[in-house]
Amino acid sequence: MQDDLLAQAQAWLTEDPDPETRAELARLIDAKDVTELAARFGGTLQFGTAGLRGELGAGPMRMNRSVVIRAAAGLAAYLKKQGHHDGLVVIGYDARHKSADFARDTAAVMTGAGLRAAVLPRPLPTPVLAFAIRHLGAVAGVEVTASHNPPRDNGYKVYLGDGSQIVPPADAEIADEIAAVPSLTVVRRPTEGWETLDDSVLQAYLARTDAVLAEDSPRTARTVYTAMHGVGKDVLLTAFDRAGFPVPVLVAEQADPDPDFPTVAFPNPEEPGAMDLAFAEARASDPDLVIANDPDADRCAVAVKDAGDWRMLRGDEVGALLAAHLVNRGVRGTFAESIVSSSLLGRIAAQAGLPHEETLTGFKWIARVDDLRFGYEEALGYCVDPDGVRDKDGITAALLITELASVLKADDRTLLDLLDDLAVEHGLHATDQLSVRVQDLSVIADAMRRLREQPPTHLAGLPVTNAEDLARGTDRLPPTDGLRYTLDGARVIVRPSGTEPKLKCYLEVVVPVAAHADLPAARARATELLAAIKRDLSEAAGI
């Protein structure tokens, strides 16, 4: 086995175009580090509906230039088989380690394959790339980003010409083309021939952000903003300036791109501690709300002052607020969400006489809903301008929630006041998540198997009225690896994460509320139920 591993590594080393990963791999070969070589050469990084995502390093199980060149060659071959022999592929990238290199390699491969390639002028938010695909009439787009993953990761996200991310069967067909690349030596990579775009695409995107807001709406809400060491700051500040909002107060330590993300363990606003610096700034400057983007600025987190201190709103709360705001503005069209998001959106849409759809998790599915007007999922993703960006967009979502805060402020009200109104009108919809990060992926497989073999009959004392294995599909959903439990007044969904080594359990309870005076008791009951469901589900799953 050692000789085979060393031979594989040596063959990889011979083709690797990157001096950094070549040196790294040469050290492992010289040291005959079988354990580490096995981790890197025990398979290949799998291309799926999230594209590629993984830890940076040498070898086929890591993100590196060799893996990206193969992925680009596979994508180019797929596009040509679809008849796009000279179509345009637009490429964006974030500010992570190697992102610019991966973007340049992709442009070279597309050019070498006879396609046209255009690269965004610098690291920019993912929604700018998603916008550019449709704006430029491209046949595909690539965004080099690992979004909110740890600093050591990078990723490769693929969009097709409709501006939305790939879904089956395109992912498997592209993966087949990647696997068919025999060697990097057959992949043509010229050193020129692609276009580096100017700022006109960004300006066109910013012009669309203006249209997200009502023409005569108030623009008075004051914000604290963190870019979480990512690429959102300049675009968001420009969008807020064009809209006429007060200039956001920046969290200085996190304002500029830094691929090492030095102030956070995980650059995700949902992770414990990630918002601490933003809350400290909010305590000092006393804004109306706090806005955070994740590093590629496709997600938007919102925090508000509650009982004298600051707290993050859950993604479901922001989704409900944006939906209520759009309904109040008289919009028409379909409201859509993923199955792991709150059922409150359906009630808001029904009362407004609007269509409502549930999809599998991910904006690759939400973006494909017919006549989409607003889409969201609980992981801080919101699509408020689907005609411009058929993906989640943390810039336009930030504009819209700040407009809503301004409208409420004019009436001496807050986002929390509107959430209270929604709870009285539709019932208190309280959501929570049980998320388990693992080192060993077999832990996740064991938990899913255990739940399939012995599904719980009660959670928190509530009978499970329906247990669905989503791997079989439903009349409205294609198959996916997940489990859904329906209870009287509650719902639980369990699924492995598609982008991180996590088992994720999504919980929702609905507590009827007769009047505003009943809200404290309803919240206490919801908190009690969610805690009990977490406890019982953990026991049932063995986690």
Protein backbone atom coordinates (compact mmCIF):
# COMPACT_ATOMS: atom_id res chain seq x y z
CA MET A 1 0.00 0.00 0.00
CA GLN A 2 2.83 2.40 0.85
CA ASP A 3 4.45 1.92 -2.56
CA ASP A 4 1.13 2.45 -4.32
CA LEU A 5 0.44 5.66 -2.37
CA LEU A 6 3.93 6.97 -3.06
CA ALA A 7 3.53 6.19 -6.76
CA GLN A 8 0.16 8.01 -6.91
CA ALA A 9 1.63 11.00 -5.11
CA GLN A 10 4.66 11.09 -7.38
CA ALA A 11 2.46 11.00 -10.48
CA TRP A 12 0.36 13.85 -9.09
CA LEU A 13 3.49 15.81 -8.23
CA THR A 14 4.73 15.54 -11.81
CA GLU A 15 1.60 17.30 -13.13
CA ASP A 16 0.99 19.83 -10.33
CA PRO A 17 1.35 23.38 -11.75
CA ASP A 18 1.52 25.09 -8.34
CA PRO A 19 4.96 25.43 -6.71
CA GLU A 20 3.40 25.70 -3.23
CA THR A 21 1.45 22.45 -3.35
CA ARG A 22 4.34 20.76 -5.20
CA ALA A 23 6.67 21.62 -2.33
CA GLU A 24 4.08 20.49 0.22
CA LEU A 25 3.58 17.15 -1.52
CA ALA A 26 7.32 16.61 -2.02
CA ARG A 27 7.83 16.94 1.74
CA LEU A 28 5.15 14.31 2.41
CA ILE A 29 6.71 11.95 -0.16
CA ASP A 30 10.20 12.44 1.26
CA ALA A 31 8.90 11.77 4.77
CA LYS A 32 6.93 8.73 3.53
CA ASP A 33 3.99 10.11 5.55
CA VAL A 34 1.58 7.31 4.68
CA THR A 35 -1.19 8.54 6.97
CA GLU A 36 -1.32 11.99 5.43
CA LEU A 37 -0.86 10.70 1.88
CA ALA A 38 -3.74 8.26 2.41
CA ALA A 39 -5.97 11.14 3.52
CA ARG A 40 -5.13 13.05 0.35
CA PHE A 41 -5.11 10.19 -2.16
CA GLY A 42 -7.83 7.93 -0.74
CA GLY A 43 -10.31 9.19 -3.34
CA THR A 44 -11.22 12.40 -5.15
CA LEU A 45 -13.05 15.50 -3.99
CA GLN A 46 -16.58 14.87 -5.21
CA PHE A 47 -18.26 17.33 -7.57
CA GLY A 48 -21.93 17.70 -6.64
CA THR A 49 -24.73 20.26 -6.57
CA ALA A 50 -22.59 22.47 -4.34
CA GLY A 51 -19.77 22.13 -6.90
CA LEU A 52 -16.52 21.50 -5.04
CA ARG A 53 -15.60 22.51 -1.53
CA GLY A 54 -12.77 21.34 0.69
CA GLU A 55 -9.55 22.03 2.50
CA LEU A 56 -6.67 23.62 0.56
CA GLY A 57 -3.67 21.39 -0.04
CA ALA A 58 -2.03 18.97 -2.44
CA GLY A 59 -3.75 15.86 -3.74
CA PRO A 60 -7.11 14.85 -5.24
CA MET A 61 -8.93 15.05 -1.89
CA ARG A 62 -7.98 18.71 -1.42
CA MET A 63 -8.74 21.99 -3.18
CA ASN A 64 -5.81 22.99 -5.38
CA ARG A 65 -5.00 24.16 -8.88
CA SER A 66 -4.81 20.62 -10.29
CA VAL A 67 -8.29 19.79 -9.01
CA VAL A 68 -9.67 23.11 -10.28
CA ILE A 69 -8.13 22.68 -13.73
CA ARG A 70 -9.73 19.25 -14.01
CA ALA A 71 -13.08 20.67 -12.83
CA ALA A 72 -12.89 23.49 -15.37
CA ALA A 73 -12.00 21.05 -18.16
CA GLY A 74 -14.96 18.86 -17.21
CA LEU A 75 -17.30 21.84 -17.16
CA ALA A 76 -16.02 23.02 -20.54
CA ALA A 77 -16.57 19.56 -22.05
CA TYR A 78 -20.10 19.45 -20.61
CA LEU A 79 -20.96 22.88 -22.01
CA LYS A 80 -19.71 21.94 -25.46
CA LYS A 81 -21.78 18.74 -25.40
CA GLN A 82 -24.78 20.96 -24.61
CA GLY A 83 -24.06 22.86 -27.84
CA HIS A 84 -22.33 25.87 -26.29
CA HIS A 85 -19.20 25.66 -28.41
CA ASP A 86 -18.22 29.31 -28.18
CA GLY A 87 -20.46 30.46 -25.32
CA LEU A 88 -19.41 32.91 -22.64
CA VAL A 89 -18.41 31.70 -19.16
CA VAL A 90 -18.18 34.44 -16.54
CA ILE A 91 -15.97 33.85 -13.50
CA GLY A 92 -16.01 35.50 -10.08
CA TYR A 93 -13.96 34.92 -6.97
CA ASP A 94 -13.70 35.89 -3.32
CA ALA A 95 -10.62 36.92 -1.30
CA ARG A 96 -9.68 33.52 0.13
CA HIS A 97 -6.28 31.93 -0.33
CA LYS A 98 -5.85 30.75 -3.96
CA SER A 99 -9.20 32.16 -5.16
CA ALA A 100 -7.61 34.46 -7.76
CA ASP A 101 -5.40 31.59 -8.98
CA PHE A 102 -8.39 29.26 -9.34
CA ALA A 103 -10.33 31.94 -11.24
CA ARG A 104 -7.42 32.54 -13.63
CA ASP A 105 -6.95 28.80 -14.22
CA THR A 106 -10.66 28.47 -15.01
CA ALA A 107 -10.47 31.32 -17.52
CA ALA A 108 -7.43 29.72 -19.17
CA VAL A 109 -9.13 26.32 -19.47
CA MET A 110 -12.32 27.81 -20.93
CA THR A 111 -10.31 29.81 -23.44
CA GLY A 112 -8.25 26.76 -24.37
CA ALA A 113 -11.45 24.79 -24.96
CA GLY A 114 -12.72 27.38 -27.44
CA LEU A 115 -15.22 29.01 -25.11
CA ARG A 116 -15.14 32.70 -24.24
CA ALA A 117 -14.21 33.62 -20.68
CA ALA A 118 -14.68 36.83 -18.71
CA VAL A 119 -13.38 37.35 -15.18
CA LEU A 120 -14.81 39.88 -12.73
CA PRO A 121 -12.31 42.70 -12.09
CA ARG A 122 -11.48 41.85 -8.45
CA PRO A 123 -12.87 39.88 -5.50
CA LEU A 124 -16.59 40.69 -5.37
CA PRO A 125 -19.72 39.29 -3.69
CA THR A 126 -21.12 36.06 -5.10
CA PRO A 127 -24.44 37.76 -6.03
CA VAL A 128 -22.55 40.04 -8.43
CA LEU A 129 -21.40 36.92 -10.29
CA ALA A 130 -24.91 35.45 -10.25
CA PHE A 131 -26.22 38.76 -11.67
CA ALA A 132 -23.46 38.94 -14.31
CA ILE A 133 -24.41 35.57 -15.83
CA ARG A 134 -27.86 36.77 -16.87
CA HIS A 135 -26.75 40.34 -17.55
CA LEU A 136 -24.04 39.24 -20.00
CA GLY A 137 -25.98 36.35 -21.53
CA ALA A 138 -23.41 33.79 -20.39
CA VAL A 139 -23.96 30.05 -20.80
CA ALA A 140 -22.44 29.38 -17.38
CA GLY A 141 -20.75 31.00 -14.43
CA VAL A 142 -18.19 29.93 -11.87
CA GLU A 143 -17.73 31.47 -8.42
CA VAL A 144 -14.57 30.55 -6.55
CA THR A 145 -15.60 30.70 -2.89
CA ALA A 146 -15.99 28.62 0.23
CA SER A 147 -18.58 31.08 1.55
CA HIS A 148 -18.57 30.85 5.37
CA ASN A 149 -16.36 27.76 5.69
CA PRO A 150 -13.19 27.81 7.84
CA PRO A 151 -10.12 29.73 6.56
CA ARG A 152 -8.36 26.58 5.35
CA ASP A 153 -11.14 25.81 2.84
CA ASN A 154 -11.98 26.94 -0.66
CA GLY A 155 -14.66 25.98 -3.15
CA TYR A 156 -15.93 26.08 -6.72
CA LYS A 157 -19.59 26.87 -7.35
CA VAL A 158 -21.10 26.40 -10.82
CA TYR A 159 -24.09 28.20 -12.32
CA LEU A 160 -25.74 27.58 -15.67
CA GLY A 161 -27.07 30.19 -18.07
CA ASP A 162 -30.34 30.82 -16.22
CA GLY A 163 -28.24 32.29 -13.39
CA SER A 164 -29.06 29.58 -10.86
CA GLN A 165 -26.80 26.89 -9.43
CA ILE A 166 -26.62 23.44 -11.00
CA VAL A 167 -29.01 20.67 -9.96
CA PRO A 168 -29.21 17.01 -11.00
CA PRO A 169 -28.58 15.64 -13.53
CA ALA A 170 -26.16 18.40 -14.60
CA ASP A 171 -23.96 17.83 -11.55
CA ALA A 172 -23.47 14.12 -12.32
CA GLU A 173 -22.91 14.83 -16.02
CA ILE A 174 -20.23 17.42 -15.21
CA ALA A 175 -18.67 15.02 -12.69
CA ASP A 176 -18.48 12.35 -15.41
CA GLU A 177 -16.67 14.78 -17.70
CA ILE A 178 -14.23 15.68 -14.90
CA ALA A 179 -13.51 11.99 -14.30
CA ALA A 180 -12.86 11.54 -18.01
CA VAL A 181 -9.95 14.01 -18.02
CA PRO A 182 -6.99 11.61 -18.38
CA SER A 183 -4.22 14.02 -17.49
CA LEU A 184 -3.57 17.72 -17.04
CA THR A 185 -1.17 17.50 -19.98
CA VAL A 186 -4.13 17.27 -22.39
CA VAL A 187 -5.85 20.38 -20.96
CA ARG A 188 -4.96 23.43 -23.04
CA ARG A 189 -4.27 26.47 -20.84
CA PRO A 190 -3.21 29.52 -22.82
CA THR A 191 -1.72 32.43 -20.91
CA GLU A 192 -4.08 34.99 -22.48
CA GLY A 193 -7.23 35.31 -24.52
CA TRP A 194 -9.87 35.90 -21.87
CA GLU A 195 -11.44 39.20 -20.85
CA THR A 196 -11.06 40.91 -17.51
CA LEU A 197 -14.28 42.85 -17.04
CA ASP A 198 -14.38 46.48 -15.99
CA ASP A 199 -16.75 47.93 -13.40
CA SER A 200 -19.71 48.23 -15.78
CA VAL A 201 -21.18 44.90 -14.61
CA LEU A 202 -20.87 45.97 -10.99
CA GLN A 203 -22.52 49.29 -11.82
CA ALA A 204 -25.39 47.46 -13.52
CA TYR A 205 -25.80 45.28 -10.44
CA LEU A 206 -25.83 48.34 -8.18
CA ALA A 207 -28.44 49.99 -10.41
CA ARG A 208 -30.70 46.98 -9.79
CA THR A 209 -30.21 47.24 -6.03
CA ASP A 210 -31.89 50.65 -6.16
CA ALA A 211 -35.04 49.01 -7.53
CA VAL A 212 -35.36 46.70 -4.51
CA LEU A 213 -36.68 49.61 -2.46
CA ALA A 214 -39.98 51.49 -2.71
CA GLU A 215 -39.48 54.88 -4.35
CA ASP A 216 -40.89 56.96 -1.51
CA SER A 217 -39.84 54.85 1.47
CA PRO A 218 -38.11 56.37 4.50
CA ARG A 219 -34.34 55.76 4.69
CA THR A 220 -33.54 56.70 8.28
CA ALA A 221 -32.49 53.47 10.04
CA ARG A 222 -28.92 53.54 11.33
CA THR A 223 -26.83 50.38 11.05
CA VAL A 224 -23.63 48.80 12.29
CA TYR A 225 -22.12 46.59 9.58
CA THR A 226 -19.56 43.80 9.52
CA ALA A 227 -18.21 42.17 6.37
CA MET A 228 -16.78 39.28 8.45
CA HIS A 229 -13.35 39.72 6.80
CA GLY A 230 -15.01 39.15 3.41
CA VAL A 231 -15.71 41.04 0.20
CA GLY A 232 -19.02 42.73 1.01
CA LYS A 233 -17.97 46.09 2.43
CA ASP A 234 -17.39 48.25 -0.65
CA VAL A 235 -20.44 47.00 -2.53
CA LEU A 236 -22.74 47.32 0.48
CA LEU A 237 -21.50 50.81 1.36
CA THR A 238 -22.04 51.93 -2.24
CA ALA A 239 -25.52 50.41 -2.32
CA PHE A 240 -26.46 52.11 0.96
CA ASP A 241 -25.09 55.43 -0.29
CA ARG A 242 -27.05 55.20 -3.55
CA ALA A 243 -30.20 54.39 -1.55
CA GLY A 244 -29.74 57.36 0.77
CA PHE A 245 -29.41 55.45 4.03
CA PRO A 246 -27.14 56.74 6.80
CA VAL A 247 -23.57 55.54 6.33
CA PRO A 248 -23.21 52.23 8.23
CA VAL A 249 -20.80 52.19 11.15
CA LEU A 250 -18.17 49.60 10.28
CA VAL A 251 -16.78 46.92 12.56
CA ALA A 252 -13.25 48.02 11.74
CA GLU A 253 -11.50 44.80 12.76
CA GLN A 254 -13.59 42.80 10.26
CA ALA A 255 -14.16 45.37 7.52
CA ASP A 256 -11.51 44.44 4.97
CA PRO A 257 -10.86 41.10 3.25
CA ASP A 258 -8.51 38.80 5.15
CA PRO A 259 -8.27 35.15 4.08
CA ASP A 260 -7.07 34.14 7.55
CA PHE A 261 -10.25 35.47 9.26
CA PRO A 262 -8.23 36.36 12.40
CA THR A 263 -11.08 37.47 14.68
CA VAL A 264 -13.41 34.48 14.27
CA ALA A 265 -13.12 30.71 14.63
CA PHE A 266 -15.64 30.27 11.79
CA PRO A 267 -16.52 33.27 9.54
CA ASN A 268 -20.23 32.60 9.77
CA PRO A 269 -22.56 35.02 11.61
CA GLU A 270 -24.48 32.01 12.98
CA GLU A 271 -21.43 30.59 14.79
CA PRO A 272 -20.91 31.39 18.49
CA GLY A 273 -18.69 34.43 18.98
CA ALA A 274 -18.68 35.54 15.34
CA MET A 275 -20.87 38.58 16.08
CA ASP A 276 -19.15 39.62 19.33
CA LEU A 277 -17.23 42.53 17.78
CA ALA A 278 -20.36 43.73 15.97
CA PHE A 279 -22.33 43.68 19.22
CA ALA A 280 -19.55 45.60 20.98
CA GLU A 281 -19.70 48.27 18.29
CA ALA A 282 -23.50 48.37 18.54
CA ARG A 283 -23.33 48.92 22.30
CA ALA A 284 -21.02 51.86 21.64
CA SER A 285 -22.89 53.49 18.73
CA ASP A 286 -26.51 52.46 19.49
CA PRO A 287 -27.81 51.88 15.94
CA ASP A 288 -31.28 50.69 14.97
CA LEU A 289 -29.96 47.33 13.78
CA VAL A 290 -26.80 45.36 13.06
CA ILE A 291 -26.16 43.92 9.60
CA ALA A 292 -23.59 41.21 8.86
CA ASN A 293 -22.64 39.52 5.62
CA ASP A 294 -20.77 36.26 5.39
CA PRO A 295 -17.41 36.41 3.57
CA ASP A 296 -18.83 36.17 0.03
CA ALA A 297 -21.79 38.38 0.96
CA ASP A 298 -24.55 36.14 -0.30
CA ARG A 299 -25.98 35.77 3.23
CA CYS A 300 -27.30 38.50 5.49
CA ALA A 301 -27.54 38.37 9.28
CA VAL A 302 -29.59 40.87 11.28
CA ALA A 303 -29.34 41.69 14.97
CA VAL A 304 -31.58 43.91 17.10
CA LYS A 305 -31.63 45.29 20.60
CA ASP A 306 -33.77 43.08 22.82
CA ALA A 307 -34.24 43.60 26.57
CA GLY A 308 -31.32 46.01 26.69
CA ASP A 309 -28.74 44.02 24.74
CA TRP A 310 -28.18 42.79 21.21
CA ARG A 311 -29.21 39.46 19.75
CA MET A 312 -29.21 37.84 16.34
CA LEU A 313 -32.54 37.32 14.70
CA ARG A 314 -32.96 33.80 13.42
CA GLY A 315 -33.00 33.41 9.66
CA ASP A 316 -36.64 32.39 9.88
CA GLU A 317 -37.48 35.61 11.72
CA VAL A 318 -35.79 37.74 9.04
CA GLY A 319 -37.53 35.72 6.32
CA ALA A 320 -40.92 36.39 7.90
CA LEU A 321 -40.15 40.09 8.32
CA LEU A 322 -39.08 40.50 4.69
CA ALA A 323 -42.14 38.58 3.51
CA ALA A 324 -44.50 40.73 5.59
CA HIS A 325 -42.80 43.87 4.29
CA LEU A 326 -43.15 42.79 0.66
CA VAL A 327 -46.79 41.84 1.21
CA ASN A 328 -47.42 45.26 2.73
CA ARG A 329 -45.86 46.81 -0.36
CA GLY A 330 -48.35 44.91 -2.53
CA VAL A 331 -45.97 42.63 -4.42
CA ARG A 332 -47.32 39.69 -6.43
CA GLY A 333 -45.72 36.37 -7.26
CA THR A 334 -44.72 33.16 -5.52
CA PHE A 335 -43.13 33.04 -2.07
CA ALA A 336 -40.80 30.06 -1.73
CA GLU A 337 -38.64 28.49 0.94
CA SER A 338 -36.73 25.32 1.65
CA ILE A 339 -38.41 22.53 3.63
CA VAL A 340 -36.16 23.24 6.64
CA SER A 341 -37.43 26.81 6.93
CA SER A 342 -40.37 28.04 8.99
CA SER A 343 -43.94 27.26 8.01
CA LEU A 344 -44.80 30.86 8.93
CA LEU A 345 -43.99 31.96 5.37
CA GLY A 346 -46.80 29.78 4.06
CA ARG A 347 -49.28 31.39 6.44
CA ILE A 348 -48.18 34.91 5.48
CA ALA A 349 -48.50 34.05 1.78
CA ALA A 350 -51.88 32.37 2.22
CA GLN A 351 -53.35 35.35 4.03
CA ALA A 352 -52.12 37.61 1.23
CA GLY A 353 -53.54 35.30 -1.44
CA LEU A 354 -50.08 34.54 -2.83
CA PRO A 355 -48.76 31.17 -4.03
CA HIS A 356 -46.33 29.40 -1.71
CA GLU A 357 -43.84 26.64 -2.56
CA GLU A 358 -41.48 24.45 -0.52
CA THR A 359 -38.32 23.04 -2.11
CA LEU A 360 -35.35 20.94 -1.12
CA THR A 361 -32.62 22.72 0.80
CA GLY A 362 -30.52 25.18 -1.18
CA PHE A 363 -31.09 28.12 -3.47
CA LYS A 364 -30.35 25.91 -6.46
CA TRP A 365 -33.90 24.63 -5.86
CA ILE A 366 -35.58 27.80 -4.57
CA ALA A 367 -34.37 29.79 -7.59
CA ARG A 368 -36.17 27.42 -9.96
CA VAL A 369 -39.66 28.03 -8.55
CA ASP A 370 -42.03 29.37 -11.21
CA ASP A 371 -42.93 33.05 -10.90
CA LEU A 372 -40.63 33.44 -7.89
CA ARG A 373 -40.97 36.80 -6.15
CA PHE A 374 -39.35 36.10 -2.79
CA GLY A 375 -37.36 33.13 -1.59
CA TYR A 376 -35.51 32.40 1.59
CA GLU A 377 -33.99 29.68 3.72
CA GLU A 378 -33.23 29.68 7.41
CA ALA A 379 -29.43 29.73 6.91
CA LEU A 380 -29.57 33.54 6.41
CA GLY A 381 -30.20 33.38 2.67
CA TYR A 382 -32.73 35.69 1.00
CA CYS A 383 -33.61 36.31 -2.64
CA VAL A 384 -35.50 39.59 -2.92
CA ASP A 385 -34.81 40.42 -6.60
CA PRO A 386 -35.11 37.11 -8.49
CA ASP A 387 -35.23 38.82 -11.90
CA GLY A 388 -31.75 40.20 -11.22
CA VAL A 389 -30.12 37.57 -9.01
CA ARG A 390 -31.56 34.05 -8.98
CA ASP A 391 -29.68 33.19 -5.82
CA LYS A 392 -29.40 34.45 -2.29
CA ASP A 393 -28.08 38.01 -2.07
CA GLY A 394 -26.84 39.52 1.17
CA ILE A 395 -26.56 43.04 -0.27
CA THR A 396 -30.15 43.50 -1.47
CA ALA A 397 -31.46 41.69 1.61
CA ALA A 398 -29.58 44.19 3.79
CA LEU A 399 -31.15 47.07 1.88
CA LEU A 400 -34.66 45.66 2.22
CA ILE A 401 -34.46 44.92 5.94
CA THR A 402 -33.04 48.40 6.56
CA GLU A 403 -35.94 49.89 4.59
CA LEU A 404 -38.36 47.93 6.77
CA ALA A 405 -36.61 49.12 9.94
CA SER A 406 -36.93 52.68 8.63
CA VAL A 407 -40.66 52.27 7.90
CA LEU A 408 -41.24 50.93 11.40
CA LYS A 409 -39.05 53.62 12.95
CA ALA A 410 -41.26 56.27 11.40
CA ASP A 411 -44.11 54.84 13.50
CA ASP A 412 -41.91 54.52 16.60
CA ARG A 413 -41.87 50.75 16.18
CA THR A 414 -39.16 48.10 15.73
CA LEU A 415 -38.59 44.81 13.95
CA LEU A 416 -39.44 43.03 17.21
CA ASP A 417 -42.81 44.78 17.33
CA LEU A 418 -43.63 43.46 13.87
CA LEU A 419 -42.55 39.94 14.88
CA ASP A 420 -44.94 40.17 17.85
CA ASP A 421 -47.76 41.17 15.52
CA LEU A 422 -47.03 38.20 13.25
CA ALA A 423 -47.04 35.83 16.24
CA VAL A 424 -50.45 37.04 17.39
CA GLU A 425 -51.80 36.85 13.85
CA HIS A 426 -50.41 33.45 12.83
CA GLY A 427 -49.22 31.77 16.04
CA LEU A 428 -45.74 31.91 17.55
CA HIS A 429 -43.47 30.02 15.14
CA ALA A 430 -40.29 29.27 17.09
CA THR A 431 -37.39 27.52 15.38
CA ASP A 432 -34.09 26.12 16.55
CA GLN A 433 -31.36 23.84 15.27
CA LEU A 434 -29.42 20.92 16.64
CA SER A 435 -26.16 20.92 14.69
CA VAL A 436 -23.39 18.40 15.31
CA ARG A 437 -19.97 18.96 13.69
CA VAL A 438 -17.99 15.74 13.32
CA GLN A 439 -14.47 14.68 12.43
CA ASP A 440 -15.61 11.20 11.37
CA LEU A 441 -18.38 11.22 8.74
CA SER A 442 -19.45 7.73 9.81
CA VAL A 443 -21.01 9.34 12.89
CA ILE A 444 -23.52 11.06 10.61
CA ALA A 445 -24.23 7.88 8.64
CA ASP A 446 -24.74 5.93 11.88
CA ALA A 447 -27.18 8.54 13.23
CA MET A 448 -29.22 8.52 10.02
CA ARG A 449 -29.29 4.72 9.96
CA ARG A 450 -30.36 4.56 13.59
CA LEU A 451 -33.23 7.01 12.99
CA ARG A 452 -34.35 5.08 9.91
CA GLU A 453 -34.31 1.74 11.70
CA GLN A 454 -35.91 3.03 14.91
CA PRO A 455 -37.81 6.25 14.18
CA PRO A 456 -38.98 8.08 17.31
CA THR A 457 -42.66 7.72 18.18
CA HIS A 458 -42.71 10.71 20.57
CA LEU A 459 -40.58 13.87 20.92
CA ALA A 460 -41.05 16.21 23.89
CA GLY A 461 -44.09 14.13 24.82
CA LEU A 462 -45.75 14.95 21.49
CA PRO A 463 -46.73 11.98 19.30
CA VAL A 464 -45.04 11.73 15.90
CA THR A 465 -48.03 11.70 13.58
CA ASN A 466 -46.03 11.20 10.39
CA ALA A 467 -42.45 9.99 9.79
CA GLU A 468 -41.15 10.44 6.23
CA ASP A 469 -37.91 9.17 4.74
CA LEU A 470 -37.20 11.87 2.17
CA ALA A 471 -34.74 9.56 0.40
CA ARG A 472 -37.84 8.00 -1.17
CA GLY A 473 -39.05 11.36 -2.45
CA THR A 474 -42.56 12.74 -2.02
CA ASP A 475 -45.31 13.81 -4.39
CA ARG A 476 -43.78 17.30 -4.38
CA LEU A 477 -40.07 16.73 -3.70
CA PRO A 478 -37.36 14.70 -5.44
CA PRO A 479 -35.41 12.24 -3.27
CA THR A 480 -32.87 13.64 -0.79
CA ASP A 481 -31.02 12.22 2.19
CA GLY A 482 -33.26 13.44 4.98
CA LEU A 483 -35.96 12.53 7.49
CA ARG A 484 -39.06 14.56 8.35
CA TYR A 485 -41.20 14.09 11.46
CA THR A 486 -44.56 15.81 11.82
CA LEU A 487 -45.92 16.26 15.34
CA ASP A 488 -48.99 17.99 16.74
CA GLY A 489 -47.77 21.59 16.75
CA ALA A 490 -44.18 20.82 15.78
CA ARG A 491 -41.95 19.65 12.94
CA VAL A 492 -38.45 18.14 12.79
CA ILE A 493 -36.17 17.58 9.79
CA VAL A 494 -32.83 15.75 10.02
CA ARG A 495 -30.26 15.82 7.21
CA PRO A 496 -26.51 15.74 6.62
CA SER A 497 -25.10 19.13 5.58
CA GLY A 498 -24.25 19.39 1.91
CA THR A 499 -21.24 21.65 2.45
CA GLU A 500 -19.80 20.88 5.91
CA PRO A 501 -19.14 17.79 8.06
CA LYS A 502 -22.30 18.35 10.10
CA LEU A 503 -25.53 16.57 10.97
CA LYS A 504 -28.24 19.22 11.01
CA CYS A 505 -31.62 18.91 12.73
CA TYR A 506 -34.17 21.66 12.12
CA LEU A 507 -36.87 22.12 14.74
CA GLU A 508 -40.07 24.18 14.68
CA VAL A 509 -42.88 24.51 17.19
CA VAL A 510 -46.06 26.54 16.71
CA VAL A 511 -47.79 27.87 19.81
CA PRO A 512 -51.18 29.62 19.42
CA VAL A 513 -51.28 33.19 20.77
CA ALA A 514 -54.59 34.91 21.49
CA ALA A 515 -53.28 38.39 22.30
CA HIS A 516 -50.04 40.31 22.79
CA ALA A 517 -50.33 39.80 26.54
CA ASP A 518 -50.01 36.04 25.99
CA LEU A 519 -46.66 36.27 24.16
CA PRO A 520 -44.37 35.77 27.22
CA ALA A 521 -46.15 32.56 28.18
CA ALA A 522 -46.12 31.35 24.57
CA ARG A 523 -42.38 32.00 24.30
CA ALA A 524 -41.72 30.13 27.52
CA ARG A 525 -43.73 27.17 26.24
CA ALA A 526 -41.92 27.23 22.89
CA THR A 527 -38.51 27.32 24.59
CA GLU A 528 -39.49 24.39 26.79
CA LEU A 529 -40.73 22.34 23.83
CA LEU A 530 -37.67 23.04 21.67
CA ALA A 531 -35.31 22.04 24.48
CA ALA A 532 -37.22 18.82 25.05
CA ILE A 533 -37.30 17.97 21.34
CA LYS A 534 -33.53 18.54 21.14
CA ARG A 535 -32.94 16.24 24.10
CA ASP A 536 -35.18 13.46 22.84
CA LEU A 537 -33.90 13.70 19.26
CA SER A 538 -30.27 13.54 20.42
CA GLU A 539 -31.07 10.38 22.33
CA ALA A 540 -32.93 8.82 19.40
CA ALA A 541 -30.07 9.59 16.99
CA GLY A 542 -27.33 8.58 19.41
CA ILE A 543 -25.50 11.89 19.09
